[in-house]
Amino acid sequence: MRKAGGIIALIAGIFGVVAAGATLFVGGIAGAFDAEGANTVVWLGWGGVLFSFLTIVFGAVCMGAKSKMPGVFLIISAISGAVLGGTLVAIFMALALLGGVLALFGDKKSKAEQ
């Protein structure tokens, strides 16, 4: 299940980058018209880019990791991206959170398999 969680996180990270780009685009357009709060939207876009890239990296690491630490970092990155990335990025970070939970708890083997 770690591999499935990593793949889900990779997909969520890629879509998160696209969503962060859309957030940056909207913030840039709003800044061009001197709209109130445009600077905040631009910073949310950059936060989304950062945490989406971290999600991609941790998702890739989760696919081949033997320990649970990349899953923990993926969950932290997904929660941080949802908080600091804006609404569009938060939608995909919820998917990345699901991938992190799968990567963290997905390798429970039964005693018969061991």
PDB file of N, CA and C in Angstrom:
ATOM      1  N   MET A   1       0.808  -1.202   0.000  1.00  0.00           N
ATOM      2  CA  MET A   1       0.000   0.000   0.000  1.00  0.00           C
ATOM      3  C   MET A   1       0.851   1.266   0.000  1.00  0.00           C
ATOM      4  N   ARG A   2       2.115   1.144   0.380  1.00  0.00           N
ATOM      5  CA  ARG A   2       2.978   2.330   0.333  1.00  0.00           C
ATOM      6  C   ARG A   2       3.150   2.815  -1.089  1.00  0.00           C
ATOM      7  N   LYS A   3       3.239   1.880  -2.025  1.00  0.00           N
ATOM      8  CA  LYS A   3       3.400   2.264  -3.420  1.00  0.00           C
ATOM      9  C   LYS A   3       2.139   2.966  -3.919  1.00  0.00           C
ATOM     10  N   ALA A   4       0.966   2.466  -3.537  1.00  0.00           N
ATOM     11  CA  ALA A   4      -0.293   3.101  -3.938  1.00  0.00           C
ATOM     12  C   ALA A   4      -0.415   4.493  -3.327  1.00  0.00           C
ATOM     13  N   GLY A   5      -0.024   4.646  -2.061  1.00  0.00           N
ATOM     14  CA  GLY A   5      -0.045   5.957  -1.419  1.00  0.00           C
ATOM     15  C   GLY A   5       0.904   6.929  -2.085  1.00  0.00           C
ATOM     16  N   GLY A   6       2.063   6.436  -2.506  1.00  0.00           N
ATOM     17  CA  GLY A   6       3.010   7.290  -3.218  1.00  0.00           C
ATOM     18  C   GLY A   6       2.484   7.734  -4.569  1.00  0.00           C
ATOM     19  N   ILE A   7       1.826   6.835  -5.283  1.00  0.00           N
ATOM     20  CA  ILE A   7       1.259   7.190  -6.585  1.00  0.00           C
ATOM     21  C   ILE A   7       0.143   8.210  -6.426  1.00  0.00           C
ATOM     22  N   ILE A   8      -0.707   8.012  -5.428  1.00  0.00           N
ATOM     23  CA  ILE A   8      -1.788   8.980  -5.165  1.00  0.00           C
ATOM     24  C   ILE A   8      -1.197  10.339  -4.816  1.00  0.00           C
ATOM     25  N   ALA A   9      -0.143  10.352  -4.008  1.00  0.00           N
ATOM     26  CA  ALA A   9       0.495  11.615  -3.632  1.00  0.00           C
ATOM     27  C   ALA A   9       1.154  12.293  -4.834  1.00  0.00           C
ATOM     28  N   LEU A  10       1.755  11.507  -5.719  1.00  0.00           N
ATOM     29  CA  LEU A  10       2.343  12.084  -6.928  1.00  0.00           C
ATOM     30  C   LEU A  10       1.287  12.766  -7.789  1.00  0.00           C
ATOM     31  N   ILE A  11       0.165  12.093  -7.989  1.00  0.00           N
ATOM     32  CA  ILE A  11      -0.915  12.668  -8.786  1.00  0.00           C
ATOM     33  C   ILE A  11      -1.459  13.931  -8.121  1.00  0.00           C
ATOM     34  N   ALA A  12      -1.655  13.872  -6.808  1.00  0.00           N
ATOM     35  CA  ALA A  12      -2.150  15.046  -6.084  1.00  0.00           C
ATOM     36  C   ALA A  12      -1.157  16.197  -6.146  1.00  0.00           C
ATOM     37  N   GLY A  13       0.134  15.899  -6.063  1.00  0.00           N
ATOM     38  CA  GLY A  13       1.153  16.945  -6.143  1.00  0.00           C
ATOM     39  C   GLY A  13       1.193  17.613  -7.503  1.00  0.00           C
ATOM     40  N   ILE A  14       1.045  16.823  -8.559  1.00  0.00           N
ATOM     41  CA  ILE A  14       1.051  17.399  -9.907  1.00  0.00           C
ATOM     42  C   ILE A  14      -0.162  18.307 -10.105  1.00  0.00           C
ATOM     43  N   PHE A  15      -1.329  17.833  -9.698  1.00  0.00           N
ATOM     44  CA  PHE A  15      -2.519  18.679  -9.797  1.00  0.00           C
ATOM     45  C   PHE A  15      -2.431  19.879  -8.857  1.00  0.00           C
ATOM     46  N   GLY A  16      -1.737  19.715  -7.720  1.00  0.00           N
ATOM     47  CA  GLY A  16      -1.537  20.835  -6.801  1.00  0.00           C
ATOM     48  C   GLY A  16      -0.675  21.927  -7.406  1.00  0.00           C
ATOM     49  N   VAL A  17       0.327  21.545  -8.191  1.00  0.00           N
ATOM     50  CA  VAL A  17       1.165  22.533  -8.879  1.00  0.00           C
ATOM     51  C   VAL A  17       0.324  23.317  -9.882  1.00  0.00           C
ATOM     52  N   VAL A  18      -0.536  22.619 -10.604  1.00  0.00           N
ATOM     53  CA  VAL A  18      -1.421  23.295 -11.562  1.00  0.00           C
ATOM     54  C   VAL A  18      -2.368  24.252 -10.828  1.00  0.00           C
ATOM     55  N   ALA A  19      -2.924  23.799  -9.700  1.00  0.00           N
ATOM     56  CA  ALA A  19      -3.824  24.644  -8.920  1.00  0.00           C
ATOM     57  C   ALA A  19      -3.080  25.850  -8.335  1.00  0.00           C
ATOM     58  N   ALA A  20      -1.840  25.646  -7.908  1.00  0.00           N
ATOM     59  CA  ALA A  20      -1.047  26.765  -7.396  1.00  0.00           C
ATOM     60  C   ALA A  20      -0.726  27.756  -8.507  1.00  0.00           C
ATOM     61  N   GLY A  21      -0.492  27.247  -9.706  1.00  0.00           N
ATOM     62  CA  GLY A  21      -0.285  28.137 -10.850  1.00  0.00           C
ATOM     63  C   GLY A  21      -1.523  28.967 -11.144  1.00  0.00           C
ATOM     64  N   ALA A  22      -2.698  28.348 -11.028  1.00  0.00           N
ATOM     65  CA  ALA A  22      -3.943  29.100 -11.220  1.00  0.00           C
ATOM     66  C   ALA A  22      -4.116  30.151 -10.137  1.00  0.00           C
ATOM     67  N   THR A  23      -3.734  29.818  -8.910  1.00  0.00           N
ATOM     68  CA  THR A  23      -3.814  30.785  -7.812  1.00  0.00           C
ATOM     69  C   THR A  23      -2.858  31.948  -8.057  1.00  0.00           C
ATOM     70  N   LEU A  24      -1.658  31.656  -8.521  1.00  0.00           N
ATOM     71  CA  LEU A  24      -0.705  32.719  -8.848  1.00  0.00           C
ATOM     72  C   LEU A  24      -1.225  33.585  -9.995  1.00  0.00           C
ATOM     73  N   PHE A  25      -1.863  32.969 -10.973  1.00  0.00           N
ATOM     74  CA  PHE A  25      -2.418  33.712 -12.104  1.00  0.00           C
ATOM     75  C   PHE A  25      -3.508  34.673 -11.635  1.00  0.00           C
ATOM     76  N   VAL A  26      -4.409  34.184 -10.802  1.00  0.00           N
ATOM     77  CA  VAL A  26      -5.490  35.031 -10.294  1.00  0.00           C
ATOM     78  C   VAL A  26      -4.929  36.152  -9.425  1.00  0.00           C
ATOM     79  N   GLY A  27      -3.937  35.819  -8.594  1.00  0.00           N
ATOM     80  CA  GLY A  27      -3.319  36.861  -7.767  1.00  0.00           C
ATOM     81  C   GLY A  27      -2.583  37.897  -8.598  1.00  0.00           C
ATOM     82  N   GLY A  28      -1.957  37.474  -9.671  1.00  0.00           N
ATOM     83  CA  GLY A  28      -1.265  38.415 -10.554  1.00  0.00           C
ATOM     84  C   GLY A  28      -2.231  39.331 -11.281  1.00  0.00           C
ATOM     85  N   ILE A  29      -3.337  38.774 -11.740  1.00  0.00           N
ATOM     86  CA  ILE A  29      -4.359  39.597 -12.405  1.00  0.00           C
ATOM     87  C   ILE A  29      -4.957  40.590 -11.409  1.00  0.00           C
ATOM     88  N   ALA A  30      -5.231  40.113 -10.206  1.00  0.00           N
ATOM     89  CA  ALA A  30      -5.784  41.012  -9.187  1.00  0.00           C
ATOM     90  C   ALA A  30      -4.777  42.095  -8.817  1.00  0.00           C
ATOM     91  N   GLY A  31      -3.502  41.740  -8.763  1.00  0.00           N
ATOM     92  CA  GLY A  31      -2.465  42.734  -8.472  1.00  0.00           C
ATOM     93  C   GLY A  31      -2.342  43.776  -9.577  1.00  0.00           C
ATOM     94  N   ALA A  32      -2.575  43.365 -10.815  1.00  0.00           N
ATOM     95  CA  ALA A  32      -2.504  44.302 -11.930  1.00  0.00           C
ATOM     96  C   ALA A  32      -3.610  45.358 -11.847  1.00  0.00           C
ATOM     97  N   PHE A  33      -4.722  44.967 -11.268  1.00  0.00           N
ATOM     98  CA  PHE A  33      -5.836  45.907 -11.107  1.00  0.00           C
ATOM     99  C   PHE A  33      -5.858  46.547  -9.719  1.00  0.00           C
ATOM    100  N   ASP A  34      -4.791  46.382  -8.951  1.00  0.00           N
ATOM    101  CA  ASP A  34      -4.659  46.935  -7.605  1.00  0.00           C
ATOM    102  C   ASP A  34      -5.818  46.535  -6.701  1.00  0.00           C
ATOM    103  N   ALA A  35      -6.214  45.282  -6.764  1.00  0.00           N
ATOM    104  CA  ALA A  35      -7.289  44.781  -5.913  1.00  0.00           C
ATOM    105  C   ALA A  35      -6.756  44.568  -4.497  1.00  0.00           C
ATOM    106  N   GLU A  36      -7.639  44.717  -3.543  1.00  0.00           N
ATOM    107  CA  GLU A  36      -7.267  44.538  -2.147  1.00  0.00           C
ATOM    108  C   GLU A  36      -7.045  43.045  -1.873  1.00  0.00           C
ATOM    109  N   GLY A  37      -5.954  42.712  -1.224  1.00  0.00           N
ATOM    110  CA  GLY A  37      -5.636  41.335  -0.874  1.00  0.00           C
ATOM    111  C   GLY A  37      -4.952  40.546  -1.969  1.00  0.00           C
ATOM    112  N   ALA A  38      -4.573  41.189  -3.049  1.00  0.00           N
ATOM    113  CA  ALA A  38      -3.931  40.470  -4.156  1.00  0.00           C
ATOM    114  C   ALA A  38      -2.570  39.915  -3.739  1.00  0.00           C
ATOM    115  N   ASN A  39      -1.863  40.640  -2.903  1.00  0.00           N
ATOM    116  CA  ASN A  39      -0.557  40.186  -2.436  1.00  0.00           C
ATOM    117  C   ASN A  39      -0.698  38.899  -1.621  1.00  0.00           C
ATOM    118  N   THR A  40      -1.752  38.796  -0.838  1.00  0.00           N
ATOM    119  CA  THR A  40      -1.995  37.586  -0.050  1.00  0.00           C
ATOM    120  C   THR A  40      -2.255  36.394  -0.960  1.00  0.00           C
ATOM    121  N   VAL A  41      -3.013  36.600  -2.013  1.00  0.00           N
ATOM    122  CA  VAL A  41      -3.311  35.517  -2.951  1.00  0.00           C
ATOM    123  C   VAL A  41      -2.041  35.048  -3.647  1.00  0.00           C
ATOM    124  N   VAL A  42      -1.170  35.969  -3.986  1.00  0.00           N
ATOM    125  CA  VAL A  42       0.097  35.587  -4.611  1.00  0.00           C
ATOM    126  C   VAL A  42       0.940  34.759  -3.646  1.00  0.00           C
ATOM    127  N   TRP A  43       1.006  35.159  -2.383  1.00  0.00           N
ATOM    128  CA  TRP A  43       1.774  34.388  -1.398  1.00  0.00           C
ATOM    129  C   TRP A  43       1.159  33.016  -1.166  1.00  0.00           C
ATOM    130  N   LEU A  44      -0.174  32.919  -1.202  1.00  0.00           N
ATOM    131  CA  LEU A  44      -0.815  31.609  -1.094  1.00  0.00           C
ATOM    132  C   LEU A  44      -0.436  30.726  -2.285  1.00  0.00           C
ATOM    133  N   GLY A  45      -0.338  31.329  -3.453  1.00  0.00           N
ATOM    134  CA  GLY A  45       0.090  30.581  -4.633  1.00  0.00           C
ATOM    135  C   GLY A  45       1.493  30.035  -4.498  1.00  0.00           C
ATOM    136  N   TRP A  46       2.407  30.846  -3.983  1.00  0.00           N
ATOM    137  CA  TRP A  46       3.778  30.366  -3.790  1.00  0.00           C
ATOM    138  C   TRP A  46       3.850  29.288  -2.715  1.00  0.00           C
ATOM    139  N   GLY A  47       3.040  29.431  -1.679  1.00  0.00           N
ATOM    140  CA  GLY A  47       2.969  28.362  -0.668  1.00  0.00           C
ATOM    141  C   GLY A  47       2.456  27.067  -1.277  1.00  0.00           C
ATOM    142  N   GLY A  48       1.483  27.183  -2.168  1.00  0.00           N
ATOM    143  CA  GLY A  48       0.966  26.003  -2.850  1.00  0.00           C
ATOM    144  C   GLY A  48       2.000  25.342  -3.734  1.00  0.00           C
ATOM    145  N   VAL A  49       2.798  26.144  -4.430  1.00  0.00           N
ATOM    146  CA  VAL A  49       3.866  25.596  -5.272  1.00  0.00           C
ATOM    147  C   VAL A  49       4.877  24.837  -4.415  1.00  0.00           C
ATOM    148  N   LEU A  50       5.297  25.445  -3.317  1.00  0.00           N
ATOM    149  CA  LEU A  50       6.289  24.820  -2.439  1.00  0.00           C
ATOM    150  C   LEU A  50       5.790  23.486  -1.891  1.00  0.00           C
ATOM    151  N   PHE A  51       4.593  23.481  -1.316  1.00  0.00           N
ATOM    152  CA  PHE A  51       4.113  22.259  -0.683  1.00  0.00           C
ATOM    153  C   PHE A  51       3.656  21.218  -1.711  1.00  0.00           C
ATOM    154  N   SER A  52       3.287  21.645  -2.898  1.00  0.00           N
ATOM    155  CA  SER A  52       2.968  20.676  -3.942  1.00  0.00           C
ATOM    156  C   SER A  52       4.228  19.969  -4.420  1.00  0.00           C
ATOM    157  N   PHE A  53       5.320  20.716  -4.560  1.00  0.00           N
ATOM    158  CA  PHE A  53       6.582  20.078  -4.927  1.00  0.00           C
ATOM    159  C   PHE A  53       7.071  19.142  -3.818  1.00  0.00           C
ATOM    160  N   LEU A  54       6.908  19.552  -2.576  1.00  0.00           N
ATOM    161  CA  LEU A  54       7.286  18.658  -1.475  1.00  0.00           C
ATOM    162  C   LEU A  54       6.433  17.394  -1.485  1.00  0.00           C
ATOM    163  N   THR A  55       5.163  17.538  -1.828  1.00  0.00           N
ATOM    164  CA  THR A  55       4.278  16.376  -1.919  1.00  0.00           C
ATOM    165  C   THR A  55       4.745  15.427  -3.017  1.00  0.00           C
ATOM    166  N   ILE A  56       5.169  15.970  -4.137  1.00  0.00           N
ATOM    167  CA  ILE A  56       5.682  15.132  -5.227  1.00  0.00           C
ATOM    168  C   ILE A  56       6.936  14.382  -4.776  1.00  0.00           C
ATOM    169  N   VAL A  57       7.829  15.082  -4.103  1.00  0.00           N
ATOM    170  CA  VAL A  57       9.079  14.458  -3.648  1.00  0.00           C
ATOM    171  C   VAL A  57       8.794  13.366  -2.623  1.00  0.00           C
ATOM    172  N   PHE A  58       7.978  13.676  -1.624  1.00  0.00           N
ATOM    173  CA  PHE A  58       7.692  12.678  -0.590  1.00  0.00           C
ATOM    174  C   PHE A  58       6.865  11.518  -1.138  1.00  0.00           C
ATOM    175  N   GLY A  59       6.017  11.777  -2.124  1.00  0.00           N
ATOM    176  CA  GLY A  59       5.277  10.688  -2.759  1.00  0.00           C
ATOM    177  C   GLY A  59       6.198   9.737  -3.492  1.00  0.00           C
ATOM    178  N   ALA A  60       7.201  10.296  -4.163  1.00  0.00           N
ATOM    179  CA  ALA A  60       8.167   9.455  -4.866  1.00  0.00           C
ATOM    180  C   ALA A  60       9.019   8.653  -3.884  1.00  0.00           C
ATOM    181  N   VAL A  61       9.372   9.276  -2.771  1.00  0.00           N
ATOM    182  CA  VAL A  61      10.180   8.578  -1.768  1.00  0.00           C
ATOM    183  C   VAL A  61       9.372   7.476  -1.098  1.00  0.00           C
ATOM    184  N   CYS A  62       8.071   7.709  -0.893  1.00  0.00           N
ATOM    185  CA  CYS A  62       7.215   6.713  -0.240  1.00  0.00           C
ATOM    186  C   CYS A  62       7.116   5.422  -1.032  1.00  0.00           C
ATOM    187  N   MET A  63       7.221   5.512  -2.334  1.00  0.00           N
ATOM    188  CA  MET A  63       7.040   4.315  -3.156  1.00  0.00           C
ATOM    189  C   MET A  63       8.139   3.274  -2.928  1.00  0.00           C
ATOM    190  N   GLY A  64       9.322   3.705  -2.557  1.00  0.00           N
ATOM    191  CA  GLY A  64      10.401   2.751  -2.366  1.00  0.00           C
ATOM    192  C   GLY A  64      10.931   2.681  -0.949  1.00  0.00           C
ATOM    193  N   ALA A  65      10.292   3.376  -0.027  1.00  0.00           N
ATOM    194  CA  ALA A  65      10.822   3.456   1.339  1.00  0.00           C
ATOM    195  C   ALA A  65      10.448   2.218   2.150  1.00  0.00           C
ATOM    196  N   LYS A  66      11.326   1.872   3.039  1.00  0.00           N
ATOM    197  CA  LYS A  66      11.057   0.778   3.964  1.00  0.00           C
ATOM    198  C   LYS A  66      10.526   1.286   5.302  1.00  0.00           C
ATOM    199  N   SER A  67      10.821   2.546   5.626  1.00  0.00           N
ATOM    200  CA  SER A  67      10.374   3.095   6.906  1.00  0.00           C
ATOM    201  C   SER A  67       9.078   3.876   6.723  1.00  0.00           C
ATOM    202  N   LYS A  68       8.541   4.333   7.830  1.00  0.00           N
ATOM    203  CA  LYS A  68       7.289   5.082   7.805  1.00  0.00           C
ATOM    204  C   LYS A  68       7.503   6.595   7.782  1.00  0.00           C
ATOM    205  N   MET A  69       8.731   7.048   7.891  1.00  0.00           N
ATOM    206  CA  MET A  69       8.999   8.481   7.977  1.00  0.00           C
ATOM    207  C   MET A  69       8.591   9.264   6.730  1.00  0.00           C
ATOM    208  N   PRO A  70       8.798   8.773   5.520  1.00  0.00           N
ATOM    209  CA  PRO A  70       8.308   9.549   4.373  1.00  0.00           C
ATOM    210  C   PRO A  70       6.792   9.734   4.388  1.00  0.00           C
ATOM    211  N   GLY A  71       6.077   8.753   4.900  1.00  0.00           N
ATOM    212  CA  GLY A  71       4.621   8.894   5.035  1.00  0.00           C
ATOM    213  C   GLY A  71       4.250   9.982   6.017  1.00  0.00           C
ATOM    214  N   VAL A  72       5.003  10.077   7.107  1.00  0.00           N
ATOM    215  CA  VAL A  72       4.756  11.136   8.095  1.00  0.00           C
ATOM    216  C   VAL A  72       5.043  12.500   7.475  1.00  0.00           C
ATOM    217  N   PHE A  73       6.157  12.610   6.758  1.00  0.00           N
ATOM    218  CA  PHE A  73       6.483  13.882   6.106  1.00  0.00           C
ATOM    219  C   PHE A  73       5.479  14.239   5.025  1.00  0.00           C
ATOM    220  N   LEU A  74       4.945  13.247   4.358  1.00  0.00           N
ATOM    221  CA  LEU A  74       3.922  13.489   3.348  1.00  0.00           C
ATOM    222  C   LEU A  74       2.643  14.018   3.983  1.00  0.00           C
ATOM    223  N   ILE A  75       2.259  13.478   5.111  1.00  0.00           N
ATOM    224  CA  ILE A  75       1.072  13.969   5.820  1.00  0.00           C
ATOM    225  C   ILE A  75       1.291  15.404   6.289  1.00  0.00           C
ATOM    226  N   ILE A  76       2.466  15.694   6.830  1.00  0.00           N
ATOM    227  CA  ILE A  76       2.769  17.061   7.281  1.00  0.00           C
ATOM    228  C   ILE A  76       2.761  18.029   6.107  1.00  0.00           C
ATOM    229  N   SER A  77       3.324  17.604   4.992  1.00  0.00           N
ATOM    230  CA  SER A  77       3.347  18.452   3.799  1.00  0.00           C
ATOM    231  C   SER A  77       1.942  18.687   3.256  1.00  0.00           C
ATOM    232  N   ALA A  78       1.097  17.667   3.289  1.00  0.00           N
ATOM    233  CA  ALA A  78      -0.270  17.818   2.788  1.00  0.00           C
ATOM    234  C   ALA A  78      -1.085  18.759   3.677  1.00  0.00           C
ATOM    235  N   ILE A  79      -0.944  18.642   4.973  1.00  0.00           N
ATOM    236  CA  ILE A  79      -1.683  19.528   5.878  1.00  0.00           C
ATOM    237  C   ILE A  79      -1.179  20.957   5.747  1.00  0.00           C
ATOM    238  N   SER A  80       0.133  21.126   5.674  1.00  0.00           N
ATOM    239  CA  SER A  80       0.690  22.473   5.513  1.00  0.00           C
ATOM    240  C   SER A  80       0.280  23.091   4.179  1.00  0.00           C
ATOM    241  N   GLY A  81       0.253  22.299   3.131  1.00  0.00           N
ATOM    242  CA  GLY A  81      -0.169  22.785   1.837  1.00  0.00           C
ATOM    243  C   GLY A  81      -1.637  23.168   1.808  1.00  0.00           C
ATOM    244  N   ALA A  82      -2.461  22.427   2.533  1.00  0.00           N
ATOM    245  CA  ALA A  82      -3.878  22.765   2.596  1.00  0.00           C
ATOM    246  C   ALA A  82      -4.104  24.074   3.343  1.00  0.00           C
ATOM    247  N   VAL A  83      -3.297  24.313   4.361  1.00  0.00           N
ATOM    248  CA  VAL A  83      -3.458  25.538   5.149  1.00  0.00           C
ATOM    249  C   VAL A  83      -2.838  26.740   4.435  1.00  0.00           C
ATOM    250  N   LEU A  84      -1.653  26.560   3.865  1.00  0.00           N
ATOM    251  CA  LEU A  84      -0.899  27.684   3.311  1.00  0.00           C
ATOM    252  C   LEU A  84      -0.941  27.776   1.787  1.00  0.00           C
ATOM    253  N   GLY A  85      -1.743  26.964   1.122  1.00  0.00           N
ATOM    254  CA  GLY A  85      -1.732  26.951  -0.325  1.00  0.00           C
ATOM    255  C   GLY A  85      -2.952  27.537  -0.991  1.00  0.00           C
ATOM    256  N   GLY A  86      -3.958  27.860  -0.251  1.00  0.00           N
ATOM    257  CA  GLY A  86      -5.173  28.382  -0.862  1.00  0.00           C
ATOM    258  C   GLY A  86      -6.202  27.283  -1.080  1.00  0.00           C
ATOM    259  N   THR A  87      -7.374  27.694  -1.513  1.00  0.00           N
ATOM    260  CA  THR A  87      -8.495  26.774  -1.627  1.00  0.00           C
ATOM    261  C   THR A  87      -8.290  25.727  -2.712  1.00  0.00           C
ATOM    262  N   LEU A  88      -7.823  26.132  -3.874  1.00  0.00           N
ATOM    263  CA  LEU A  88      -7.634  25.176  -4.962  1.00  0.00           C
ATOM    264  C   LEU A  88      -6.595  24.119  -4.612  1.00  0.00           C
ATOM    265  N   VAL A  89      -5.526  24.540  -3.994  1.00  0.00           N
ATOM    266  CA  VAL A  89      -4.475  23.601  -3.612  1.00  0.00           C
ATOM    267  C   VAL A  89      -4.960  22.688  -2.492  1.00  0.00           C
ATOM    268  N   ALA A  90      -5.797  23.208  -1.611  1.00  0.00           N
ATOM    269  CA  ALA A  90      -6.293  22.413  -0.489  1.00  0.00           C
ATOM    270  C   ALA A  90      -7.113  21.216  -0.959  1.00  0.00           C
ATOM    271  N   ILE A  91      -7.801  21.355  -2.067  1.00  0.00           N
ATOM    272  CA  ILE A  91      -8.578  20.234  -2.608  1.00  0.00           C
ATOM    273  C   ILE A  91      -7.657  19.061  -2.936  1.00  0.00           C
ATOM    274  N   PHE A  92      -6.544  19.347  -3.571  1.00  0.00           N
ATOM    275  CA  PHE A  92      -5.625  18.279  -3.958  1.00  0.00           C
ATOM    276  C   PHE A  92      -4.754  17.824  -2.796  1.00  0.00           C
ATOM    277  N   MET A  93      -4.553  18.678  -1.815  1.00  0.00           N
ATOM    278  CA  MET A  93      -3.796  18.261  -0.642  1.00  0.00           C
ATOM    279  C   MET A  93      -4.607  17.290   0.213  1.00  0.00           C
ATOM    280  N   ALA A  94      -5.935  17.349   0.112  1.00  0.00           N
ATOM    281  CA  ALA A  94      -6.758  16.344   0.784  1.00  0.00           C
ATOM    282  C   ALA A  94      -6.496  14.970   0.166  1.00  0.00           C
ATOM    283  N   LEU A  95      -6.332  14.926  -1.142  1.00  0.00           N
ATOM    284  CA  LEU A  95      -5.980  13.681  -1.816  1.00  0.00           C
ATOM    285  C   LEU A  95      -4.574  13.226  -1.414  1.00  0.00           C
ATOM    286  N   ALA A  96      -3.655  14.165  -1.284  1.00  0.00           N
ATOM    287  CA  ALA A  96      -2.296  13.827  -0.843  1.00  0.00           C
ATOM    288  C   ALA A  96      -2.297  13.318   0.600  1.00  0.00           C
ATOM    289  N   LEU A  97      -3.185  13.858   1.417  1.00  0.00           N
ATOM    290  CA  LEU A  97      -3.316  13.373   2.795  1.00  0.00           C
ATOM    291  C   LEU A  97      -3.758  11.918   2.799  1.00  0.00           C
ATOM    292  N   LEU A  98      -4.680  11.574   1.929  1.00  0.00           N
ATOM    293  CA  LEU A  98      -5.106  10.183   1.801  1.00  0.00           C
ATOM    294  C   LEU A  98      -3.937   9.298   1.380  1.00  0.00           C
ATOM    295  N   GLY A  99      -3.124   9.777   0.444  1.00  0.00           N
ATOM    296  CA  GLY A  99      -1.943   9.028   0.038  1.00  0.00           C
ATOM    297  C   GLY A  99      -0.945   8.866   1.173  1.00  0.00           C
ATOM    298  N   GLY A 100      -0.788   9.904   1.993  1.00  0.00           N
ATOM    299  CA  GLY A 100       0.111   9.810   3.134  1.00  0.00           C
ATOM    300  C   GLY A 100      -0.368   8.818   4.173  1.00  0.00           C
ATOM    301  N   VAL A 101      -1.674   8.789   4.401  1.00  0.00           N
ATOM    302  CA  VAL A 101      -2.225   7.819   5.354  1.00  0.00           C
ATOM    303  C   VAL A 101      -2.037   6.402   4.824  1.00  0.00           C
ATOM    304  N   LEU A 102      -2.251   6.203   3.533  1.00  0.00           N
ATOM    305  CA  LEU A 102      -2.001   4.884   2.945  1.00  0.00           C
ATOM    306  C   LEU A 102      -0.533   4.502   3.058  1.00  0.00           C
ATOM    307  N   ALA A 103       0.355   5.449   2.830  1.00  0.00           N
ATOM    308  CA  ALA A 103       1.779   5.160   2.918  1.00  0.00           C
ATOM    309  C   ALA A 103       2.215   4.883   4.353  1.00  0.00           C
ATOM    310  N   LEU A 104       1.544   5.496   5.308  1.00  0.00           N
ATOM    311  CA  LEU A 104       1.928   5.318   6.705  1.00  0.00           C
ATOM    312  C   LEU A 104       1.369   4.032   7.298  1.00  0.00           C
ATOM    313  N   PHE A 105       0.087   3.777   7.057  1.00  0.00           N
ATOM    314  CA  PHE A 105      -0.576   2.657   7.716  1.00  0.00           C
ATOM    315  C   PHE A 105      -0.886   1.497   6.776  1.00  0.00           C
ATOM    316  N   GLY A 106      -0.492   1.570   5.527  1.00  0.00           N
ATOM    317  CA  GLY A 106      -0.911   0.593   4.548  1.00  0.00           C
ATOM    318  C   GLY A 106      -0.155  -0.720   4.541  1.00  0.00           C
ATOM    319  N   ASP A 107       0.902  -0.869   5.285  1.00  0.00           N
ATOM    320  CA  ASP A 107       1.714  -2.086   5.223  1.00  0.00           C
ATOM    321  C   ASP A 107       1.498  -3.016   6.411  1.00  0.00           C
ATOM    322  N   LYS A 108       0.321  -3.088   6.905  1.00  0.00           N
ATOM    323  CA  LYS A 108       0.032  -4.019   7.988  1.00  0.00           C
ATOM    324  C   LYS A 108      -0.137  -5.411   7.398  1.00  0.00           C
ATOM    325  N   LYS A 109       0.793  -6.300   7.705  1.00  0.00           N
ATOM    326  CA  LYS A 109       0.722  -7.664   7.188  1.00  0.00           C
ATOM    327  C   LYS A 109       0.119  -8.566   8.249  1.00  0.00           C
ATOM    328  N   SER A 110      -0.645  -9.515   7.788  1.00  0.00           N
ATOM    329  CA  SER A 110      -1.231 -10.458   8.746  1.00  0.00           C
ATOM    330  C   SER A 110      -0.143 -11.409   9.241  1.00  0.00           C
ATOM    331  N   LYS A 111      -0.418 -12.075  10.338  1.00  0.00           N
ATOM    332  CA  LYS A 111       0.578 -12.978  10.908  1.00  0.00           C
ATOM    333  C   LYS A 111       0.791 -14.205  10.029  1.00  0.00           C
ATOM    334  N   ALA A 112      -0.201 -14.536   9.220  1.00  0.00           N
ATOM    335  CA  ALA A 112      -0.047 -15.686   8.308  1.00  0.00           C
ATOM    336  C   ALA A 112       0.953 -15.378   7.207  1.00  0.00           C
ATOM    337  N   GLU A 113       1.006 -14.112   6.756  1.00  0.00           N
ATOM    338  CA  GLU A 113       1.937 -13.732   5.697  1.00  0.00           C
ATOM    339  C   GLU A 113       3.366 -13.627   6.211  1.00  0.00           C
ATOM    340  N   GLN A 114       3.542 -13.333   7.491  1.00  0.00           N
ATOM    341  CA  GLN A 114       4.882 -13.171   8.037  1.00  0.00           C
ATOM    342  C   GLN A 114       5.473 -14.539   8.280  1.00  0.00           C
TER     343      GLN A 114
END
